[in-house]
Amino acid sequence: MKKASLAGAFFVSAIWLPGAQALCPTPSGLSSVAVQRVVDGDTLRLSDGRSVRMIGLNTPELGKQGRSDEPFAVAARKRLEALVADSGGRVGLLPGKEAKDHYGRTLAHLYSASGVNLEAQMLADGLGFQVAVAPNVDLVACQQAAEREARRAGRGIWRQSPVLKAEQIQRSGFAVVGGRVSKIQRNRGGIFIELQGDLVLRVAPNLVEQFDNARLLAMQGRQIEARGWIVDRSRRGGLKTGQARWLLPLTDSSMLELSR
């Protein structure tokens, strides 16, 4: 694969949101790759056959198996298609520290021909949620800033708050959830943060050291906001007495914060 400077490789029209490039500066050593097609708002297929999942971005899901498209799912795909087309059909690729996900997709940051980080662009447009899964967390701060910009402006998914209350959860999948912390405990299974409602957040034992224990304890009784992929524990052979049905594994400390 040839490496090329992306800065002057292609003509780029002025459809980029002002300030997006400043949020996540362009790194050196990017590989210029050709895009075959955009699959959805956070996944694309390259001409060499690789499927790439963009790091730090989770966009609404397109409908599958009889389900309807989630709000802004089609808009997110079309926006990414436009950004790729505007970049001459080529993007700069920077693989993550963890190079593959469990589906075999390449995990990477993507950049336009002019050096704009495409995840930050989509986040600033309000067409996805910032996510962090260790160890691929190098751009967390700038991607959070991009999302905050969209949230302040009420763009896209932030036109109406997508934040669910713990008691509103009805199915597995990605969600941003708000609630009051009722209990925090640590045992061999990690750290468990119970919310009022039927939801518990979990920090796995191998990730505990990445979280500030004092900060977590200070959340007792406070209103917090968490995000991630919710698991229905009732489908795992039944619930134990007193166990919350819904489990949200925390993959990085940035996925949990005090409510604004």
Protein backbone atom coordinates (compact mmCIF):
# COMPACT_ATOMS: atom_id res chain seq x y z
CA MET A 1 0.00 0.00 0.00
CA LYS A 2 1.40 3.35 -0.98
CA LYS A 3 1.70 6.10 1.56
CA ALA A 4 0.89 9.54 0.32
CA SER A 5 0.49 13.04 1.63
CA LEU A 6 -3.22 13.72 1.89
CA ALA A 7 -2.94 17.46 2.29
CA GLY A 8 -2.77 18.31 -1.40
CA ALA A 9 -3.70 15.04 -3.06
CA PHE A 10 -7.26 15.87 -4.02
CA PHE A 11 -9.57 18.80 -4.61
CA VAL A 12 -11.85 19.36 -1.62
CA SER A 13 -14.95 21.55 -1.74
CA ALA A 14 -16.08 23.64 1.19
CA ILE A 15 -18.63 21.32 2.83
CA TRP A 16 -16.58 20.74 5.98
CA LEU A 17 -17.82 22.11 9.27
CA PRO A 18 -15.56 24.98 10.38
CA GLY A 19 -13.19 23.98 13.16
CA ALA A 20 -13.45 20.20 12.65
CA GLN A 21 -9.81 19.90 11.60
CA ALA A 22 -8.62 21.84 14.64
CA LEU A 23 -10.43 19.41 16.97
CA CYS A 24 -8.33 16.38 15.96
CA PRO A 25 -5.12 17.52 14.21
CA THR A 26 -3.81 15.48 11.27
CA PRO A 27 -1.09 12.98 12.23
CA SER A 28 1.86 12.13 10.02
CA GLY A 29 2.32 8.81 8.25
CA LEU A 30 -1.23 8.27 7.04
CA SER A 31 -1.84 5.63 4.36
CA SER A 32 -3.98 6.86 1.46
CA VAL A 33 -6.58 4.19 0.62
CA ALA A 34 -9.41 3.97 -1.92
CA VAL A 35 -12.97 3.50 -0.68
CA GLN A 36 -15.20 1.04 -2.50
CA ARG A 37 -18.41 1.95 -0.68
CA VAL A 38 -19.85 3.33 2.55
CA VAL A 39 -21.73 0.64 4.47
CA ASP A 40 -23.25 2.89 7.12
CA GLY A 41 -22.37 5.99 9.11
CA ASP A 42 -19.35 4.46 10.84
CA THR A 43 -18.26 1.61 8.57
CA LEU A 44 -16.91 1.47 5.04
CA ARG A 45 -15.35 -1.05 2.68
CA LEU A 46 -12.05 -0.36 0.96
CA SER A 47 -11.18 -1.26 -2.61
CA ASP A 48 -8.68 -3.81 -1.24
CA GLY A 49 -11.57 -5.69 0.40
CA ARG A 50 -11.03 -4.60 3.98
CA SER A 51 -14.01 -3.51 6.07
CA VAL A 52 -13.12 -0.55 8.30
CA ARG A 53 -14.89 0.40 11.53
CA MET A 54 -14.17 4.00 12.49
CA ILE A 55 -12.68 4.42 15.96
CA GLY A 56 -14.52 6.64 18.42
CA LEU A 57 -17.78 6.95 16.48
CA ASN A 58 -21.05 5.05 16.80
CA THR A 59 -23.82 6.13 14.45
CA PRO A 60 -27.52 5.15 14.54
CA GLU A 61 -28.25 1.70 13.12
CA LEU A 62 -29.79 1.05 9.73
CA GLY A 63 -32.79 -1.27 9.85
CA LYS A 64 -32.08 -5.01 9.74
CA GLN A 65 -34.19 -8.15 10.12
CA GLY A 66 -37.46 -6.27 9.94
CA ARG A 67 -36.40 -3.39 12.20
CA SER A 68 -36.83 0.20 11.06
CA ASP A 69 -33.88 2.53 10.58
CA GLU A 70 -32.99 4.39 13.75
CA PRO A 71 -33.41 8.20 13.54
CA PHE A 72 -30.56 9.82 11.56
CA ALA A 73 -29.13 6.45 10.45
CA VAL A 74 -29.72 7.19 6.75
CA ALA A 75 -28.56 10.80 7.18
CA ALA A 76 -25.32 9.55 8.77
CA ARG A 77 -24.60 7.16 5.90
CA LYS A 78 -25.33 9.83 3.30
CA ARG A 79 -23.14 12.35 5.10
CA LEU A 80 -20.21 9.93 5.22
CA GLU A 81 -20.73 9.11 1.55
CA ALA A 82 -20.60 12.84 0.76
CA LEU A 83 -17.44 13.34 2.81
CA VAL A 84 -15.71 10.43 1.09
CA ALA A 85 -16.80 11.64 -2.36
CA ASP A 86 -15.63 15.15 -1.52
CA SER A 87 -12.27 13.64 -0.60
CA GLY A 88 -11.90 12.15 -4.08
CA GLY A 89 -12.97 8.67 -3.01
CA ARG A 90 -9.80 8.23 -0.95
CA VAL A 91 -9.17 8.64 2.78
CA GLY A 92 -6.19 8.63 5.09
CA LEU A 93 -6.10 5.60 7.37
CA LEU A 94 -4.48 5.35 10.81
CA PRO A 95 -4.93 1.87 12.38
CA GLY A 96 -5.76 1.62 16.07
CA LYS A 97 -3.55 0.06 18.72
CA GLU A 98 -6.02 -2.80 18.61
CA ALA A 99 -6.19 -3.36 14.86
CA LYS A 100 -9.25 -5.64 14.56
CA ASP A 101 -12.64 -6.04 16.23
CA HIS A 102 -14.36 -9.35 16.96
CA TYR A 103 -16.03 -9.21 13.53
CA GLY A 104 -12.63 -9.08 11.83
CA ARG A 105 -13.05 -5.46 10.74
CA THR A 106 -10.06 -3.11 10.66
CA LEU A 107 -10.28 -0.52 13.44
CA ALA A 108 -8.92 2.83 12.28
CA HIS A 109 -9.14 6.60 12.37
CA LEU A 110 -9.99 8.08 8.98
CA TYR A 111 -9.03 11.46 7.54
CA SER A 112 -10.13 13.44 4.51
CA ALA A 113 -7.80 14.56 1.74
CA SER A 114 -7.40 17.89 3.53
CA GLY A 115 -6.61 16.21 6.86
CA VAL A 116 -9.97 16.44 8.64
CA ASN A 117 -10.67 13.57 11.04
CA LEU A 118 -13.89 12.02 9.73
CA GLU A 119 -15.03 10.76 13.13
CA ALA A 120 -14.77 14.27 14.60
CA GLN A 121 -16.59 15.67 11.55
CA MET A 122 -19.48 13.25 11.96
CA LEU A 123 -19.65 13.95 15.70
CA ALA A 124 -19.60 17.71 15.14
CA ASP A 125 -22.45 17.25 12.63
CA GLY A 126 -24.50 15.51 15.33
CA LEU A 127 -24.69 12.28 13.34
CA GLY A 128 -23.17 9.90 15.87
CA PHE A 129 -22.11 9.32 19.45
CA GLN A 130 -18.57 9.47 20.79
CA VAL A 131 -17.48 6.09 22.12
CA ALA A 132 -14.24 4.83 23.64
CA VAL A 133 -13.06 1.24 23.80
CA ALA A 134 -9.61 0.73 25.30
CA PRO A 135 -6.90 0.61 24.08
CA ASN A 136 -8.10 2.69 21.08
CA VAL A 137 -8.62 5.89 23.05
CA ASP A 138 -5.95 8.28 21.71
CA LEU A 139 -8.47 10.76 20.26
CA VAL A 140 -11.05 10.66 23.06
CA ALA A 141 -10.55 14.29 24.13
CA CYS A 142 -10.87 15.87 20.70
CA GLN A 143 -13.79 13.63 19.72
CA GLN A 144 -15.58 14.53 22.95
CA ALA A 145 -15.06 18.20 22.05
CA ALA A 146 -16.61 17.58 18.63
CA GLU A 147 -19.67 15.94 20.19
CA ARG A 148 -20.04 18.75 22.73
CA GLU A 149 -20.10 21.23 19.87
CA ALA A 150 -23.00 19.39 18.23
CA ARG A 151 -24.79 19.00 21.54
CA ARG A 152 -24.56 22.71 22.34
CA ALA A 153 -25.86 23.59 18.88
CA GLY A 154 -28.63 20.98 18.95
CA ARG A 155 -27.51 19.33 15.71
CA GLY A 156 -28.76 15.99 14.44
CA ILE A 157 -29.35 13.44 17.19
CA TRP A 158 -29.07 16.25 19.75
CA ARG A 159 -32.10 18.19 18.46
CA GLN A 160 -34.05 16.25 21.06
CA SER A 161 -32.23 14.60 23.93
CA PRO A 162 -31.46 10.93 23.18
CA VAL A 163 -30.57 10.28 26.83
CA LEU A 164 -32.72 7.54 28.35
CA LYS A 165 -33.65 7.18 31.99
CA ALA A 166 -32.62 3.82 33.42
CA GLU A 167 -36.26 2.78 33.74
CA GLN A 168 -36.87 3.52 30.04
CA ILE A 169 -34.51 0.82 28.75
CA GLN A 170 -36.42 -1.79 26.77
CA ARG A 171 -33.84 -3.65 24.71
CA SER A 172 -30.16 -4.41 24.26
CA GLY A 173 -27.94 -2.21 22.14
CA PHE A 174 -26.16 1.11 22.30
CA ALA A 175 -27.65 3.79 24.54
CA VAL A 176 -26.83 6.94 26.45
CA VAL A 177 -28.41 6.60 29.89
CA GLY A 178 -28.92 8.99 32.76
CA GLY A 179 -29.69 8.08 36.36
CA ARG A 180 -28.84 8.49 40.02
CA VAL A 181 -26.20 6.21 41.53
CA SER A 182 -27.71 4.19 44.38
CA LYS A 183 -24.82 1.85 45.17
CA ILE A 184 -21.18 1.23 44.23
CA GLN A 185 -19.35 -1.97 45.09
CA ARG A 186 -16.19 -3.77 44.10
CA ASN A 187 -15.60 -7.51 44.09
CA ARG A 188 -13.82 -10.18 42.04
CA GLY A 189 -16.13 -9.39 39.13
CA GLY A 190 -14.95 -5.77 38.94
CA ILE A 191 -16.70 -2.55 39.95
CA PHE A 192 -20.49 -2.43 39.87
CA ILE A 193 -22.38 0.88 39.84
CA GLU A 194 -26.10 0.47 40.45
CA LEU A 195 -28.55 3.10 39.24
CA GLN A 196 -32.05 3.74 40.49
CA GLY A 197 -34.00 1.58 38.09
CA ASP A 198 -33.09 -1.82 36.68
CA LEU A 199 -29.58 -1.01 35.40
CA VAL A 200 -26.07 -1.69 36.65
CA LEU A 201 -22.82 -0.41 35.14
CA ARG A 202 -19.79 -2.68 35.27
CA VAL A 203 -16.05 -2.07 35.02
CA ALA A 204 -14.37 -5.40 34.21
CA PRO A 205 -11.43 -6.47 36.41
CA ASN A 206 -8.90 -5.93 33.61
CA LEU A 207 -10.07 -2.31 33.21
CA VAL A 208 -10.34 -1.29 36.87
CA GLU A 209 -6.90 0.33 36.92
CA GLN A 210 -7.95 2.69 34.11
CA PHE A 211 -10.65 4.23 36.32
CA ASP A 212 -10.14 6.75 39.12
CA ASN A 213 -11.51 4.98 42.18
CA ALA A 214 -11.96 8.21 44.14
CA ARG A 215 -13.88 9.75 41.25
CA LEU A 216 -16.18 6.74 41.08
CA LEU A 217 -16.87 6.78 44.82
CA ALA A 218 -17.69 10.50 44.61
CA MET A 219 -20.55 9.61 42.25
CA GLN A 220 -22.51 7.90 45.03
CA GLY A 221 -25.95 9.53 45.16
CA ARG A 222 -25.15 11.77 42.18
CA GLN A 223 -26.89 12.05 38.83
CA ILE A 224 -24.64 10.56 36.14
CA GLU A 225 -24.64 9.90 32.42
CA ALA A 226 -23.21 6.69 30.97
CA ARG A 227 -23.01 5.27 27.48
CA GLY A 228 -22.26 1.94 25.92
CA TRP A 229 -23.79 -1.31 24.71
CA ILE A 230 -26.48 -2.59 27.04
CA VAL A 231 -26.81 -6.33 27.66
CA ASP A 232 -30.05 -8.08 28.66
CA ARG A 233 -28.95 -10.42 31.46
CA SER A 234 -32.30 -12.23 31.43
CA ARG A 235 -31.20 -13.90 28.19
CA ARG A 236 -28.17 -15.46 29.84
CA GLY A 237 -29.97 -18.21 31.69
CA GLY A 238 -32.06 -16.15 34.06
CA LEU A 239 -31.46 -13.53 36.73
CA LYS A 240 -30.42 -14.08 40.30
CA THR A 241 -32.66 -12.68 43.01
CA GLY A 242 -32.19 -8.93 43.29
CA GLN A 243 -30.01 -8.73 40.20
CA ALA A 244 -30.61 -5.89 37.72
CA ARG A 245 -31.84 -7.05 34.32
CA TRP A 246 -29.80 -4.57 32.30
CA LEU A 247 -26.00 -4.45 32.33
CA LEU A 248 -23.90 -1.73 30.72
CA PRO A 249 -20.16 -2.62 30.53
CA LEU A 250 -17.97 0.49 30.72
CA THR A 251 -15.10 0.29 28.23
CA ASP A 252 -13.29 3.51 29.21
CA SER A 253 -13.60 6.15 31.94
CA SER A 254 -14.80 8.67 29.36
CA MET A 255 -18.01 6.63 28.98
CA LEU A 256 -19.15 7.76 32.44
CA GLU A 257 -19.51 11.30 33.74
CA LEU A 258 -21.54 13.45 36.09
CA SER A 259 -24.64 14.86 34.40
CA ARG A 260 -24.39 18.39 33.08
